[in-house]
């Protein structure tokens, strides 16, 4: 069993050496494609984050306006009650 394992291991190592090293390197065109794809992905992510930030800001502004309106309404009610008596 051990000699068979050693033979399989030896064949595996020689087969991996047979693959040329230059075939594993990226070409300039492939590198440019990959770089462009990564840049596009980064831009898409930035746009998504900006959109979500605008949406959150809009929600916060709306909540602030609602709170201000409620405070003004409460002040008006208090003033009416103050001057009615």
PDB file of N, CA and C in Angstrom:
ATOM      1  N   UNK A   1       0.821  -1.193   0.000  1.00  0.00           N
ATOM      2  CA  UNK A   1       0.000   0.000   0.000  1.00  0.00           C
ATOM      3  C   UNK A   1       0.865   1.256   0.000  1.00  0.00           C
ATOM      4  N   UNK A   2       1.927   1.246   0.787  1.00  0.00           N
ATOM      5  CA  UNK A   2       2.814   2.399   0.846  1.00  0.00           C
ATOM      6  C   UNK A   2       3.546   2.640  -0.475  1.00  0.00           C
ATOM      7  N   UNK A   3       4.010   1.587  -1.160  1.00  0.00           N
ATOM      8  CA  UNK A   3       4.660   1.845  -2.449  1.00  0.00           C
ATOM      9  C   UNK A   3       3.688   2.427  -3.481  1.00  0.00           C
ATOM     10  N   UNK A   4       2.430   1.997  -3.430  1.00  0.00           N
ATOM     11  CA  UNK A   4       1.430   2.521  -4.349  1.00  0.00           C
ATOM     12  C   UNK A   4       1.180   4.009  -4.077  1.00  0.00           C
ATOM     13  N   UNK A   5       1.104   4.360  -2.800  1.00  0.00           N
ATOM     14  CA  UNK A   5       0.900   5.746  -2.405  1.00  0.00           C
ATOM     15  C   UNK A   5       2.078   6.612  -2.848  1.00  0.00           C
ATOM     16  N   UNK A   6       3.276   6.074  -2.691  1.00  0.00           N
ATOM     17  CA  UNK A   6       4.473   6.804  -3.107  1.00  0.00           C
ATOM     18  C   UNK A   6       4.487   6.991  -4.614  1.00  0.00           C
ATOM     19  N   UNK A   7       4.070   5.984  -5.362  1.00  0.00           N
ATOM     20  CA  UNK A   7       4.021   6.080  -6.813  1.00  0.00           C
ATOM     21  C   UNK A   7       3.008   7.130  -7.268  1.00  0.00           C
ATOM     22  N   UNK A   8       1.829   7.144  -6.638  1.00  0.00           N
ATOM     23  CA  UNK A   8       0.785   8.117  -6.982  1.00  0.00           C
ATOM     24  C   UNK A   8       1.276   9.520  -6.661  1.00  0.00           C
ATOM     25  N   UNK A   9       1.925   9.686  -5.530  1.00  0.00           N
ATOM     26  CA  UNK A   9       2.462  10.980  -5.130  1.00  0.00           C
ATOM     27  C   UNK A   9       3.538  11.450  -6.114  1.00  0.00           C
ATOM     28  N   UNK A  10       4.389  10.550  -6.531  1.00  0.00           N
ATOM     29  CA  UNK A  10       5.455  10.879  -7.482  1.00  0.00           C
ATOM     30  C   UNK A  10       4.874  11.293  -8.828  1.00  0.00           C
ATOM     31  N   UNK A  11       3.878  10.573  -9.304  1.00  0.00           N
ATOM     32  CA  UNK A  11       3.235  10.907 -10.573  1.00  0.00           C
ATOM     33  C   UNK A  11       2.538  12.264 -10.465  1.00  0.00           C
ATOM     34  N   UNK A  12       1.898  12.530  -9.346  1.00  0.00           N
ATOM     35  CA  UNK A  12       1.212  13.807  -9.140  1.00  0.00           C
ATOM     36  C   UNK A  12       2.179  14.975  -9.147  1.00  0.00           C
ATOM     37  N   UNK A  13       3.311  14.809  -8.523  1.00  0.00           N
ATOM     38  CA  UNK A  13       4.302  15.885  -8.488  1.00  0.00           C
ATOM     39  C   UNK A  13       4.925  16.137  -9.844  1.00  0.00           C
ATOM     40  N   UNK A  14       5.186  15.098 -10.584  1.00  0.00           N
ATOM     41  CA  UNK A  14       5.766  15.290 -11.914  1.00  0.00           C
ATOM     42  C   UNK A  14       4.748  15.900 -12.869  1.00  0.00           C
ATOM     43  N   UNK A  15       3.483  15.577 -12.691  1.00  0.00           N
ATOM     44  CA  UNK A  15       2.448  16.141 -13.551  1.00  0.00           C
ATOM     45  C   UNK A  15       2.289  17.637 -13.271  1.00  0.00           C
ATOM     46  N   UNK A  16       2.410  18.036 -12.032  1.00  0.00           N
ATOM     47  CA  UNK A  16       2.271  19.458 -11.710  1.00  0.00           C
ATOM     48  C   UNK A  16       3.463  20.252 -12.227  1.00  0.00           C
ATOM     49  N   UNK A  17       4.635  19.614 -12.324  1.00  0.00           N
ATOM     50  CA  UNK A  17       5.807  20.294 -12.883  1.00  0.00           C
ATOM     51  C   UNK A  17       5.697  20.432 -14.394  1.00  0.00           C
ATOM     52  N   UNK A  18       4.895  19.604 -15.020  1.00  0.00           N
ATOM     53  CA  UNK A  18       4.771  19.638 -16.471  1.00  0.00           C
ATOM     54  C   UNK A  18       3.977  20.854 -16.940  1.00  0.00           C
ATOM     55  N   UNK A  19       3.151  21.433 -16.072  1.00  0.00           N
ATOM     56  CA  UNK A  19       2.363  22.618 -16.449  1.00  0.00           C
ATOM     57  C   UNK A  19       3.317  23.806 -16.549  1.00  0.00           C
ATOM     58  N   UNK A  20       3.339  24.485 -17.646  1.00  0.00           N
ATOM     59  CA  UNK A  20       4.258  25.612 -17.797  1.00  0.00           C
ATOM     60  C   UNK A  20       3.892  26.758 -16.852  1.00  0.00           C
ATOM     61  N   UNK A  21       4.884  27.404 -16.333  1.00  0.00           N
ATOM     62  CA  UNK A  21       4.684  28.471 -15.361  1.00  0.00           C
ATOM     63  C   UNK A  21       4.062  29.700 -16.015  1.00  0.00           C
ATOM     64  N   UNK A  22       4.416  29.996 -17.258  1.00  0.00           N
ATOM     65  CA  UNK A  22       3.905  31.192 -17.914  1.00  0.00           C
ATOM     66  C   UNK A  22       2.405  31.106 -18.181  1.00  0.00           C
ATOM     67  N   UNK A  23       1.857  29.911 -18.234  1.00  0.00           N
ATOM     68  CA  UNK A  23       0.425  29.761 -18.482  1.00  0.00           C
ATOM     69  C   UNK A  23      -0.394  30.207 -17.275  1.00  0.00           C
ATOM     70  N   UNK A  24       0.236  30.299 -16.127  1.00  0.00           N
ATOM     71  CA  UNK A  24      -0.476  30.681 -14.912  1.00  0.00           C
ATOM     72  C   UNK A  24      -0.467  32.188 -14.698  1.00  0.00           C
ATOM     73  N   UNK A  25       0.345  32.921 -15.465  1.00  0.00           N
ATOM     74  CA  UNK A  25       0.412  34.366 -15.318  1.00  0.00           C
ATOM     75  C   UNK A  25      -0.700  35.022 -16.130  1.00  0.00           C
ATOM     76  N   UNK A  26      -1.153  36.184 -15.661  1.00  0.00           N
ATOM     77  CA  UNK A  26      -2.195  36.912 -16.369  1.00  0.00           C
ATOM     78  C   UNK A  26      -1.565  37.758 -17.472  1.00  0.00           C
ATOM     79  N   UNK A  27      -2.257  37.850 -18.577  1.00  0.00           N
ATOM     80  CA  UNK A  27      -1.790  38.716 -19.657  1.00  0.00           C
ATOM     81  C   UNK A  27      -2.182  40.156 -19.329  1.00  0.00           C
ATOM     82  N   UNK A  28      -1.639  41.093 -20.066  1.00  0.00           N
ATOM     83  CA  UNK A  28      -1.939  42.504 -19.844  1.00  0.00           C
ATOM     84  C   UNK A  28      -3.423  42.769 -20.094  1.00  0.00           C
ATOM     85  N   UNK A  29      -3.952  42.176 -21.141  1.00  0.00           N
ATOM     86  CA  UNK A  29      -5.365  42.374 -21.469  1.00  0.00           C
ATOM     87  C   UNK A  29      -6.264  41.807 -20.368  1.00  0.00           C
ATOM     88  N   UNK A  30      -5.889  40.637 -19.871  1.00  0.00           N
ATOM     89  CA  UNK A  30      -6.679  40.019 -18.795  1.00  0.00           C
ATOM     90  C   UNK A  30      -6.614  40.881 -17.532  1.00  0.00           C
ATOM     91  N   UNK A  31      -5.438  41.406 -17.246  1.00  0.00           N
ATOM     92  CA  UNK A  31      -5.283  42.276 -16.084  1.00  0.00           C
ATOM     93  C   UNK A  31      -6.127  43.531 -16.243  1.00  0.00           C
ATOM     94  N   UNK A  32      -6.161  44.118 -17.445  1.00  0.00           N
ATOM     95  CA  UNK A  32      -6.972  45.306 -17.695  1.00  0.00           C
ATOM     96  C   UNK A  32      -8.455  45.010 -17.556  1.00  0.00           C
ATOM     97  N   UNK A  33      -8.882  43.856 -18.066  1.00  0.00           N
ATOM     98  CA  UNK A  33     -10.299  43.470 -17.938  1.00  0.00           C
ATOM     99  C   UNK A  33     -10.675  43.313 -16.471  1.00  0.00           C
ATOM    100  N   UNK A  34      -9.793  42.642 -15.740  1.00  0.00           N
ATOM    101  CA  UNK A  34     -10.073  42.403 -14.326  1.00  0.00           C
ATOM    102  C   UNK A  34     -10.079  43.725 -13.553  1.00  0.00           C
ATOM    103  N   UNK A  35      -9.164  44.611 -13.889  1.00  0.00           N
ATOM    104  CA  UNK A  35      -9.088  45.907 -13.234  1.00  0.00           C
ATOM    105  C   UNK A  35     -10.328  46.752 -13.545  1.00  0.00           C
ATOM    106  N   UNK A  36     -10.756  46.741 -14.801  1.00  0.00           N
ATOM    107  CA  UNK A  36     -11.952  47.488 -15.197  1.00  0.00           C
ATOM    108  C   UNK A  36     -13.188  46.936 -14.503  1.00  0.00           C
ATOM    109  N   UNK A  37     -13.251  45.622 -14.398  1.00  0.00           N
ATOM    110  CA  UNK A  37     -14.394  44.978 -13.730  1.00  0.00           C
ATOM    111  C   UNK A  37     -14.416  45.352 -12.248  1.00  0.00           C
ATOM    112  N   UNK A  38     -13.253  45.360 -11.618  1.00  0.00           N
ATOM    113  CA  UNK A  38     -13.170  45.732 -10.198  1.00  0.00           C
ATOM    114  C   UNK A  38     -13.545  47.201 -10.003  1.00  0.00           C
ATOM    115  N   UNK A  39     -13.107  48.068 -10.920  1.00  0.00           N
ATOM    116  CA  UNK A  39     -13.446  49.494 -10.834  1.00  0.00           C
ATOM    117  C   UNK A  39     -14.938  49.707 -10.995  1.00  0.00           C
ATOM    118  N   UNK A  40     -15.545  48.969 -11.923  1.00  0.00           N
ATOM    119  CA  UNK A  40     -16.988  49.071 -12.136  1.00  0.00           C
ATOM    120  C   UNK A  40     -17.758  48.601 -10.901  1.00  0.00           C
ATOM    121  N   UNK A  41     -17.275  47.529 -10.311  1.00  0.00           N
ATOM    122  CA  UNK A  41     -17.920  47.008  -9.104  1.00  0.00           C
ATOM    123  C   UNK A  41     -17.805  48.010  -7.947  1.00  0.00           C
ATOM    124  N   UNK A  42     -16.631  48.633  -7.830  1.00  0.00           N
ATOM    125  CA  UNK A  42     -16.412  49.630  -6.782  1.00  0.00           C
ATOM    126  C   UNK A  42     -17.316  50.846  -6.999  1.00  0.00           C
ATOM    127  N   UNK A  43     -17.442  51.285  -8.250  1.00  0.00           N
ATOM    128  CA  UNK A  43     -18.297  52.433  -8.572  1.00  0.00           C
ATOM    129  C   UNK A  43     -19.757  52.121  -8.259  1.00  0.00           C
ATOM    130  N   UNK A  44     -20.173  50.915  -8.596  1.00  0.00           N
ATOM    131  CA  UNK A  44     -21.553  50.496  -8.323  1.00  0.00           C
ATOM    132  C   UNK A  44     -21.825  50.491  -6.822  1.00  0.00           C
ATOM    133  N   UNK A  45     -20.858  50.008  -6.057  1.00  0.00           N
ATOM    134  CA  UNK A  45     -21.000  49.978  -4.603  1.00  0.00           C
ATOM    135  C   UNK A  45     -21.056  51.389  -4.024  1.00  0.00           C
ATOM    136  N   UNK A  46     -20.220  52.287  -4.552  1.00  0.00           N
ATOM    137  CA  UNK A  46     -20.224  53.670  -4.081  1.00  0.00           C
ATOM    138  C   UNK A  46     -21.557  54.348  -4.393  1.00  0.00           C
ATOM    139  N   UNK A  47     -22.089  54.097  -5.597  1.00  0.00           N
ATOM    140  CA  UNK A  47     -23.386  54.666  -5.969  1.00  0.00           C
ATOM    141  C   UNK A  47     -24.496  54.149  -5.067  1.00  0.00           C
ATOM    142  N   UNK A  48     -24.435  52.865  -4.749  1.00  0.00           N
ATOM    143  CA  UNK A  48     -25.450  52.273  -3.874  1.00  0.00           C
ATOM    144  C   UNK A  48     -25.376  52.888  -2.482  1.00  0.00           C
ATOM    145  N   UNK A  49     -24.161  53.045  -1.959  1.00  0.00           N
ATOM    146  CA  UNK A  49     -23.996  53.643  -0.632  1.00  0.00           C
ATOM    147  C   UNK A  49     -24.464  55.092  -0.617  1.00  0.00           C
ATOM    148  N   UNK A  50     -24.177  55.829  -1.685  1.00  0.00           N
ATOM    149  CA  UNK A  50     -24.621  57.223  -1.771  1.00  0.00           C
ATOM    150  C   UNK A  50     -26.145  57.299  -1.803  1.00  0.00           C
ATOM    151  N   UNK A  51     -26.758  56.395  -2.571  1.00  0.00           N
ATOM    152  CA  UNK A  51     -28.222  56.370  -2.661  1.00  0.00           C
ATOM    153  C   UNK A  51     -28.843  56.059  -1.300  1.00  0.00           C
ATOM    154  N   UNK A  52     -28.260  55.079  -0.600  1.00  0.00           N
ATOM    155  CA  UNK A  52     -28.784  54.731   0.726  1.00  0.00           C
ATOM    156  C   UNK A  52     -28.595  55.873   1.717  1.00  0.00           C
ATOM    157  N   UNK A  53     -27.470  56.587   1.589  1.00  0.00           N
ATOM    158  CA  UNK A  53     -27.215  57.715   2.481  1.00  0.00           C
ATOM    159  C   UNK A  53     -28.211  58.847   2.210  1.00  0.00           C
ATOM    160  N   UNK A  54     -28.488  59.117   0.918  1.00  0.00           N
ATOM    161  CA  UNK A  54     -29.481  60.149   0.579  1.00  0.00           C
ATOM    162  C   UNK A  54     -30.856  59.771   1.124  1.00  0.00           C
ATOM    163  N   UNK A  55     -31.189  58.497   1.016  1.00  0.00           N
ATOM    164  CA  UNK A  55     -32.486  58.029   1.498  1.00  0.00           C
ATOM    165  C   UNK A  55     -32.588  58.195   3.017  1.00  0.00           C
ATOM    166  N   UNK A  56     -31.509  57.843   3.720  1.00  0.00           N
ATOM    167  CA  UNK A  56     -31.506  57.979   5.183  1.00  0.00           C
ATOM    168  C   UNK A  56     -31.591  59.445   5.587  1.00  0.00           C
ATOM    169  N   UNK A  57     -30.887  60.316   4.851  1.00  0.00           N
ATOM    170  CA  UNK A  57     -30.927  61.751   5.151  1.00  0.00           C
ATOM    171  C   UNK A  57     -32.323  62.310   4.917  1.00  0.00           C
ATOM    172  N   UNK A  58     -32.954  61.863   3.844  1.00  0.00           N
ATOM    173  CA  UNK A  58     -34.314  62.308   3.529  1.00  0.00           C
ATOM    174  C   UNK A  58     -35.280  61.891   4.643  1.00  0.00           C
ATOM    175  N   UNK A  59     -35.115  60.644   5.111  1.00  0.00           N
ATOM    176  CA  UNK A  59     -35.950  60.154   6.206  1.00  0.00           C
ATOM    177  C   UNK A  59     -35.737  60.979   7.471  1.00  0.00           C
ATOM    178  N   UNK A  60     -34.475  61.306   7.770  1.00  0.00           N
ATOM    179  CA  UNK A  60     -34.163  62.084   8.973  1.00  0.00           C
ATOM    180  C   UNK A  60     -34.735  63.491   8.862  1.00  0.00           C
ATOM    181  N   UNK A  61     -34.628  64.097   7.677  1.00  0.00           N
ATOM    182  CA  UNK A  61     -35.181  65.439   7.469  1.00  0.00           C
ATOM    183  C   UNK A  61     -36.696  65.435   7.655  1.00  0.00           C
ATOM    184  N   UNK A  62     -37.322  64.411   7.115  1.00  0.00           N
ATOM    185  CA  UNK A  62     -38.775  64.307   7.218  1.00  0.00           C
ATOM    186  C   UNK A  62     -39.206  64.151   8.689  1.00  0.00           C
ATOM    187  N   UNK A  63     -38.463  63.344   9.442  1.00  0.00           N
ATOM    188  CA  UNK A  63     -38.770  63.145  10.859  1.00  0.00           C
ATOM    189  C   UNK A  63     -38.561  64.448  11.639  1.00  0.00           C
ATOM    190  N   UNK A  64     -37.511  65.186  11.279  1.00  0.00           N
ATOM    191  CA  UNK A  64     -37.246  66.448  11.958  1.00  0.00           C
ATOM    192  C   UNK A  64     -38.361  67.453  11.665  1.00  0.00           C
ATOM    193  N   UNK A  65     -38.817  67.519  10.414  1.00  0.00           N
ATOM    194  CA  UNK A  65     -39.910  68.425  10.062  1.00  0.00           C
ATOM    195  C   UNK A  65     -41.197  68.055  10.808  1.00  0.00           C
ATOM    196  N   UNK A  66     -41.439  66.765  10.912  1.00  0.00           N
ATOM    197  CA  UNK A  66     -42.630  66.293  11.616  1.00  0.00           C
ATOM    198  C   UNK A  66     -42.566  66.668  13.093  1.00  0.00           C
ATOM    199  N   UNK A  67     -41.391  66.518  13.682  1.00  0.00           N
ATOM    200  CA  UNK A  67     -41.198  66.863  15.079  1.00  0.00           C
ATOM    201  C   UNK A  67     -41.368  68.364  15.301  1.00  0.00           C
ATOM    202  N   UNK A  68     -40.816  69.157  14.394  1.00  0.00           N
ATOM    203  CA  UNK A  68     -40.924  70.608  14.493  1.00  0.00           C
ATOM    204  C   UNK A  68     -42.379  71.042  14.366  1.00  0.00           C
ATOM    205  N   UNK A  69     -43.085  70.434  13.437  1.00  0.00           N
ATOM    206  CA  UNK A  69     -44.497  70.763  13.238  1.00  0.00           C
ATOM    207  C   UNK A  69     -45.317  70.408  14.485  1.00  0.00           C
ATOM    208  N   UNK A  70     -45.007  69.265  15.090  1.00  0.00           N
ATOM    209  CA  UNK A  70     -45.718  68.856  16.307  1.00  0.00           C
ATOM    210  C   UNK A  70     -45.414  69.822  17.448  1.00  0.00           C
ATOM    211  N   UNK A  71     -44.171  70.278  17.540  1.00  0.00           N
ATOM    212  CA  UNK A  71     -43.800  71.227  18.598  1.00  0.00           C
ATOM    213  C   UNK A  71     -44.507  72.560  18.390  1.00  0.00           C
ATOM    214  N   UNK A  72     -44.578  73.021  17.128  1.00  0.00           N
ATOM    215  CA  UNK A  72     -45.266  74.277  16.837  1.00  0.00           C
ATOM    216  C   UNK A  72     -46.755  74.166  17.153  1.00  0.00           C
ATOM    217  N   UNK A  73     -47.320  73.023  16.849  1.00  0.00           N
ATOM    218  CA  UNK A  73     -48.742  72.798  17.130  1.00  0.00           C
ATOM    219  C   UNK A  73     -49.007  72.814  18.639  1.00  0.00           C
ATOM    220  N   UNK A  74     -48.088  72.185  19.387  1.00  0.00           N
ATOM    221  CA  UNK A  74     -48.238  72.162  20.836  1.00  0.00           C
ATOM    222  C   UNK A  74     -48.087  73.570  21.416  1.00  0.00           C
ATOM    223  N   UNK A  75     -47.154  74.348  20.864  1.00  0.00           N
ATOM    224  CA  UNK A  75     -46.980  75.729  21.328  1.00  0.00           C
ATOM    225  C   UNK A  75     -48.216  76.573  21.024  1.00  0.00           C
ATOM    226  N   UNK A  76     -48.766  76.391  19.848  1.00  0.00           N
ATOM    227  CA  UNK A  76     -49.965  77.145  19.476  1.00  0.00           C
ATOM    228  C   UNK A  76     -51.124  76.785  20.392  1.00  0.00           C
ATOM    229  N   UNK A  77     -51.240  75.512  20.718  1.00  0.00           N
ATOM    230  CA  UNK A  77     -52.321  75.076  21.611  1.00  0.00           C
ATOM    231  C   UNK A  77     -52.128  75.664  23.003  1.00  0.00           C
ATOM    232  N   UNK A  78     -50.896  75.673  23.487  1.00  0.00           N
ATOM    233  CA  UNK A  78     -50.609  76.237  24.808  1.00  0.00           C
ATOM    234  C   UNK A  78     -50.904  77.736  24.830  1.00  0.00           C
ATOM    235  N   UNK A  79     -50.554  78.436  23.737  1.00  0.00           N
ATOM    236  CA  UNK A  79     -50.828  79.877  23.667  1.00  0.00           C
ATOM    237  C   UNK A  79     -52.322  80.157  23.644  1.00  0.00           C
ATOM    238  N   UNK A  80     -53.075  79.335  22.931  1.00  0.00           N
ATOM    239  CA  UNK A  80     -54.535  79.521  22.881  1.00  0.00           C
ATOM    240  C   UNK A  80     -55.146  79.341  24.262  1.00  0.00           C
ATOM    241  N   UNK A  81     -54.694  78.326  24.961  1.00  0.00           N
ATOM    242  CA  UNK A  81     -55.214  78.061  26.295  1.00  0.00           C
ATOM    243  C   UNK A  81     -54.817  79.154  27.269  1.00  0.00           C
ATOM    244  N   UNK A  82     -53.636  79.730  27.094  1.00  0.00           N
ATOM    245  CA  UNK A  82     -53.142  80.774  27.970  1.00  0.00           C
ATOM    246  C   UNK A  82     -53.968  82.043  27.823  1.00  0.00           C
ATOM    247  N   UNK A  83     -54.320  82.406  26.572  1.00  0.00           N
ATOM    248  CA  UNK A  83     -55.026  83.646  26.337  1.00  0.00           C
ATOM    249  C   UNK A  83     -56.545  83.503  26.426  1.00  0.00           C
ATOM    250  N   UNK A  84     -57.072  82.282  26.502  1.00  0.00           N
ATOM    251  CA  UNK A  84     -58.514  82.094  26.617  1.00  0.00           C
ATOM    252  C   UNK A  84     -58.995  82.461  28.016  1.00  0.00           C
ATOM    253  N   UNK A  85     -58.186  82.264  28.971  1.00  0.00           N
ATOM    254  CA  UNK A  85     -58.644  82.509  30.352  1.00  0.00           C
ATOM    255  C   UNK A  85     -58.519  83.920  30.758  1.00  0.00           C
TER     256      UNK A  85
END
